[in-house]
């Protein structure tokens, strides 16, 4: 089970990173705590820019709230990342 409350105790994390974290938690598969929305989808759904989403994801990785893994198509092209809620 994902403990969403832990991020509220972190007073140093930017608000946009909190929004992105909660979004990823809501999108995560309950059994695996993972999801794979695109940067564009996250930005559109939260009404923030793609660069803001990328900064938030870097911050969440740095603070070990999430882990990110690149995903690739069979032809070698990059697709959306998979995010694991830690």
N, C-alpha and C. Protein backbone atom coordinates (compact mmCIF):
# COMPACT_ATOMS: atom_id res chain seq x y z
N UNK A 1 0.84 -1.18 0.00
CA UNK A 1 0.00 0.00 0.00
C UNK A 1 0.88 1.25 0.00
N UNK A 2 0.47 2.24 -0.73
CA UNK A 2 1.24 3.48 -0.85
C UNK A 2 0.89 4.42 0.29
N UNK A 3 1.92 4.93 0.96
CA UNK A 3 1.73 5.89 2.05
C UNK A 3 1.88 7.30 1.49
N UNK A 4 0.77 7.90 1.07
CA UNK A 4 0.81 9.24 0.49
C UNK A 4 1.13 10.32 1.53
N UNK A 5 0.91 10.04 2.79
CA UNK A 5 1.09 11.04 3.83
C UNK A 5 2.55 11.41 4.07
N UNK A 6 3.48 10.54 3.74
CA UNK A 6 4.89 10.81 4.03
C UNK A 6 5.39 12.05 3.31
N UNK A 7 4.85 12.37 2.16
CA UNK A 7 5.34 13.52 1.41
C UNK A 7 4.92 14.83 2.09
N UNK A 8 3.86 14.81 2.85
CA UNK A 8 3.41 16.03 3.55
C UNK A 8 4.35 16.41 4.69
N UNK A 9 5.09 15.45 5.22
CA UNK A 9 6.05 15.74 6.29
C UNK A 9 7.34 16.34 5.78
N UNK A 10 7.56 16.26 4.47
CA UNK A 10 8.77 16.80 3.84
C UNK A 10 8.52 18.27 3.50
N UNK A 11 8.99 19.16 4.35
CA UNK A 11 8.73 20.59 4.16
C UNK A 11 9.63 21.23 3.12
N UNK A 12 10.63 20.53 2.63
CA UNK A 12 11.58 21.07 1.67
C UNK A 12 11.18 20.82 0.21
N UNK A 13 10.22 19.96 -0.02
CA UNK A 13 9.89 19.58 -1.39
C UNK A 13 8.95 20.61 -2.03
N UNK A 14 9.20 20.98 -3.28
CA UNK A 14 8.34 21.96 -3.96
C UNK A 14 6.91 21.45 -4.14
N UNK A 15 5.96 22.38 -4.14
CA UNK A 15 4.54 22.02 -4.27
C UNK A 15 4.24 21.25 -5.54
N UNK A 16 4.86 21.65 -6.65
CA UNK A 16 4.59 20.96 -7.92
C UNK A 16 5.04 19.51 -7.85
N UNK A 17 6.13 19.24 -7.14
CA UNK A 17 6.59 17.86 -6.98
C UNK A 17 5.58 17.05 -6.16
N UNK A 18 4.97 17.68 -5.18
CA UNK A 18 3.92 17.02 -4.38
C UNK A 18 2.75 16.66 -5.29
N UNK A 19 2.33 17.61 -6.14
CA UNK A 19 1.21 17.35 -7.06
C UNK A 19 1.52 16.17 -7.98
N UNK A 20 2.74 16.16 -8.52
CA UNK A 20 3.13 15.07 -9.44
C UNK A 20 3.17 13.74 -8.68
N UNK A 21 3.71 13.75 -7.47
CA UNK A 21 3.78 12.53 -6.66
C UNK A 21 2.38 11.97 -6.40
N UNK A 22 1.47 12.82 -5.97
CA UNK A 22 0.10 12.37 -5.69
C UNK A 22 -0.58 11.87 -6.96
N UNK A 23 -0.31 12.52 -8.08
CA UNK A 23 -0.85 12.07 -9.36
C UNK A 23 -0.35 10.66 -9.68
N UNK A 24 0.97 10.46 -9.54
CA UNK A 24 1.54 9.14 -9.82
C UNK A 24 0.98 8.07 -8.87
N UNK A 25 0.79 8.45 -7.61
CA UNK A 25 0.20 7.51 -6.64
C UNK A 25 -1.20 7.11 -7.07
N UNK A 26 -1.98 8.07 -7.51
CA UNK A 26 -3.35 7.78 -7.93
C UNK A 26 -3.40 6.93 -9.20
N UNK A 27 -2.42 7.09 -10.07
CA UNK A 27 -2.37 6.33 -11.31
C UNK A 27 -1.74 4.95 -11.16
N UNK A 28 -1.06 4.72 -10.04
CA UNK A 28 -0.30 3.48 -9.85
C UNK A 28 -1.21 2.27 -9.72
N UNK A 29 -0.75 1.15 -10.28
CA UNK A 29 -1.42 -0.13 -10.10
C UNK A 29 -1.31 -0.48 -8.62
N UNK A 30 -2.38 -0.87 -8.03
CA UNK A 30 -2.40 -1.12 -6.59
C UNK A 30 -1.49 -2.27 -6.17
N UNK A 31 -1.33 -3.28 -7.02
CA UNK A 31 -0.51 -4.44 -6.64
C UNK A 31 0.98 -4.21 -6.85
N UNK A 32 1.36 -3.35 -7.78
CA UNK A 32 2.76 -3.15 -8.09
C UNK A 32 3.30 -1.77 -7.72
N UNK A 33 2.45 -0.84 -7.41
CA UNK A 33 2.84 0.54 -7.12
C UNK A 33 3.65 1.13 -8.27
N UNK A 34 3.19 0.89 -9.49
CA UNK A 34 3.86 1.43 -10.66
C UNK A 34 2.83 1.99 -11.64
N UNK A 35 3.28 2.93 -12.47
CA UNK A 35 2.43 3.48 -13.51
C UNK A 35 3.32 4.00 -14.64
N UNK A 36 2.74 4.32 -15.77
CA UNK A 36 3.55 4.74 -16.90
C UNK A 36 2.90 5.84 -17.75
N UNK A 37 2.43 6.92 -17.13
CA UNK A 37 1.90 8.03 -17.93
C UNK A 37 3.06 8.79 -18.60
N UNK A 38 2.79 9.41 -19.73
CA UNK A 38 3.81 10.21 -20.38
C UNK A 38 3.94 11.56 -19.67
N UNK A 39 5.06 12.22 -19.90
CA UNK A 39 5.28 13.56 -19.36
C UNK A 39 4.17 14.49 -19.85
N UNK A 40 3.84 14.37 -21.12
CA UNK A 40 2.79 15.20 -21.71
C UNK A 40 1.45 14.98 -21.01
N UNK A 41 1.11 13.73 -20.74
CA UNK A 41 -0.16 13.41 -20.07
C UNK A 41 -0.19 13.98 -18.66
N UNK A 42 0.90 13.83 -17.93
CA UNK A 42 0.97 14.37 -16.56
C UNK A 42 0.78 15.88 -16.60
N UNK A 43 1.51 16.54 -17.49
CA UNK A 43 1.40 18.00 -17.61
C UNK A 43 0.00 18.45 -17.96
N UNK A 44 -0.61 17.76 -18.92
CA UNK A 44 -1.97 18.11 -19.34
C UNK A 44 -2.97 17.92 -18.21
N UNK A 45 -2.87 16.77 -17.53
CA UNK A 45 -3.83 16.48 -16.46
C UNK A 45 -3.67 17.41 -15.26
N UNK A 46 -2.44 17.85 -14.98
CA UNK A 46 -2.21 18.74 -13.83
C UNK A 46 -2.16 20.21 -14.22
N UNK A 47 -2.29 20.48 -15.52
CA UNK A 47 -2.25 21.85 -16.03
C UNK A 47 -0.93 22.55 -15.68
N UNK A 48 0.18 21.83 -15.88
CA UNK A 48 1.52 22.39 -15.69
C UNK A 48 2.36 22.04 -16.92
N UNK A 49 3.45 22.75 -17.12
CA UNK A 49 4.28 22.53 -18.31
C UNK A 49 5.06 21.21 -18.20
N UNK A 50 5.48 20.73 -19.35
CA UNK A 50 6.27 19.50 -19.39
C UNK A 50 7.61 19.69 -18.67
N UNK A 51 8.20 20.86 -18.78
CA UNK A 51 9.48 21.10 -18.08
C UNK A 51 9.28 21.10 -16.57
N UNK A 52 8.14 21.57 -16.10
CA UNK A 52 7.83 21.53 -14.67
C UNK A 52 7.65 20.09 -14.22
N UNK A 53 7.01 19.28 -15.03
CA UNK A 53 6.85 17.85 -14.71
C UNK A 53 8.21 17.19 -14.61
N UNK A 54 9.09 17.47 -15.55
CA UNK A 54 10.43 16.87 -15.55
C UNK A 54 11.21 17.28 -14.30
N UNK A 55 11.14 18.56 -13.93
CA UNK A 55 11.81 19.02 -12.71
C UNK A 55 11.25 18.32 -11.48
N UNK A 56 9.95 18.18 -11.42
CA UNK A 56 9.30 17.52 -10.28
C UNK A 56 9.73 16.06 -10.19
N UNK A 57 9.80 15.38 -11.33
CA UNK A 57 10.20 13.98 -11.34
C UNK A 57 11.65 13.85 -10.88
N UNK A 58 12.54 14.73 -11.34
CA UNK A 58 13.94 14.70 -10.88
C UNK A 58 14.01 14.90 -9.36
N UNK A 59 13.22 15.82 -8.85
CA UNK A 59 13.19 16.08 -7.40
C UNK A 59 12.69 14.85 -6.64
N UNK A 60 11.65 14.22 -7.14
CA UNK A 60 11.09 13.03 -6.49
C UNK A 60 12.08 11.87 -6.51
N UNK A 61 12.81 11.74 -7.60
CA UNK A 61 13.85 10.70 -7.68
C UNK A 61 14.97 10.99 -6.69
N UNK A 62 15.40 12.24 -6.64
CA UNK A 62 16.48 12.66 -5.75
C UNK A 62 16.13 12.38 -4.29
N UNK A 63 14.89 12.62 -3.94
CA UNK A 63 14.45 12.43 -2.55
C UNK A 63 13.93 11.01 -2.30
N UNK A 64 14.05 10.15 -3.30
CA UNK A 64 13.70 8.72 -3.21
C UNK A 64 12.22 8.46 -2.90
N UNK A 65 11.36 9.27 -3.52
CA UNK A 65 9.93 9.00 -3.45
C UNK A 65 9.51 8.08 -4.59
N UNK A 66 10.22 8.19 -5.72
CA UNK A 66 9.93 7.36 -6.88
C UNK A 66 11.23 6.87 -7.49
N UNK A 67 11.10 5.85 -8.33
CA UNK A 67 12.19 5.39 -9.17
C UNK A 67 11.64 5.35 -10.59
N UNK A 68 12.47 5.71 -11.55
CA UNK A 68 12.03 5.79 -12.94
C UNK A 68 12.84 4.82 -13.78
N UNK A 69 12.17 4.15 -14.70
CA UNK A 69 12.84 3.22 -15.61
C UNK A 69 12.41 3.54 -17.04
N UNK A 70 13.37 3.65 -17.94
CA UNK A 70 13.05 3.90 -19.35
C UNK A 70 12.41 2.67 -19.96
N UNK A 71 11.47 2.89 -20.87
CA UNK A 71 10.82 1.80 -21.60
C UNK A 71 11.03 2.03 -23.09
N UNK A 72 11.16 0.93 -23.83
CA UNK A 72 11.41 1.02 -25.27
C UNK A 72 10.46 0.11 -26.03
N UNK A 73 10.12 0.54 -27.24
CA UNK A 73 9.30 -0.28 -28.13
C UNK A 73 10.16 -1.38 -28.74
N UNK A 74 9.54 -2.34 -29.39
CA UNK A 74 10.27 -3.44 -30.03
C UNK A 74 11.22 -2.95 -31.11
N UNK A 75 10.87 -1.82 -31.75
CA UNK A 75 11.73 -1.28 -32.80
C UNK A 75 12.86 -0.41 -32.24
N UNK A 76 12.96 -0.32 -30.91
CA UNK A 76 14.02 0.45 -30.27
C UNK A 76 13.65 1.87 -29.92
N UNK A 77 12.49 2.34 -30.37
CA UNK A 77 12.04 3.70 -30.05
C UNK A 77 11.65 3.82 -28.59
N UNK A 78 11.88 5.00 -28.02
CA UNK A 78 11.55 5.24 -26.62
C UNK A 78 10.05 5.49 -26.48
N UNK A 79 9.48 4.96 -25.42
CA UNK A 79 8.08 5.21 -25.09
C UNK A 79 8.04 5.81 -23.68
N UNK A 80 6.92 5.84 -23.05
CA UNK A 80 6.82 6.46 -21.72
C UNK A 80 7.67 5.70 -20.70
N UNK A 81 8.10 6.42 -19.68
CA UNK A 81 8.85 5.80 -18.58
C UNK A 81 7.87 5.04 -17.71
N UNK A 82 8.41 4.11 -16.93
CA UNK A 82 7.60 3.48 -15.89
C UNK A 82 8.09 4.04 -14.56
N UNK A 83 7.16 4.43 -13.72
CA UNK A 83 7.48 5.04 -12.43
C UNK A 83 7.07 4.08 -11.33
N UNK A 84 7.97 3.85 -10.40
CA UNK A 84 7.71 3.01 -9.23
C UNK A 84 7.62 3.89 -8.00
N UNK A 85 6.56 3.77 -7.27
CA UNK A 85 6.38 4.51 -6.02
C UNK A 85 7.14 3.73 -4.93
N UNK A 86 8.08 4.40 -4.29
CA UNK A 86 8.91 3.74 -3.27
C UNK A 86 8.31 3.84 -1.88
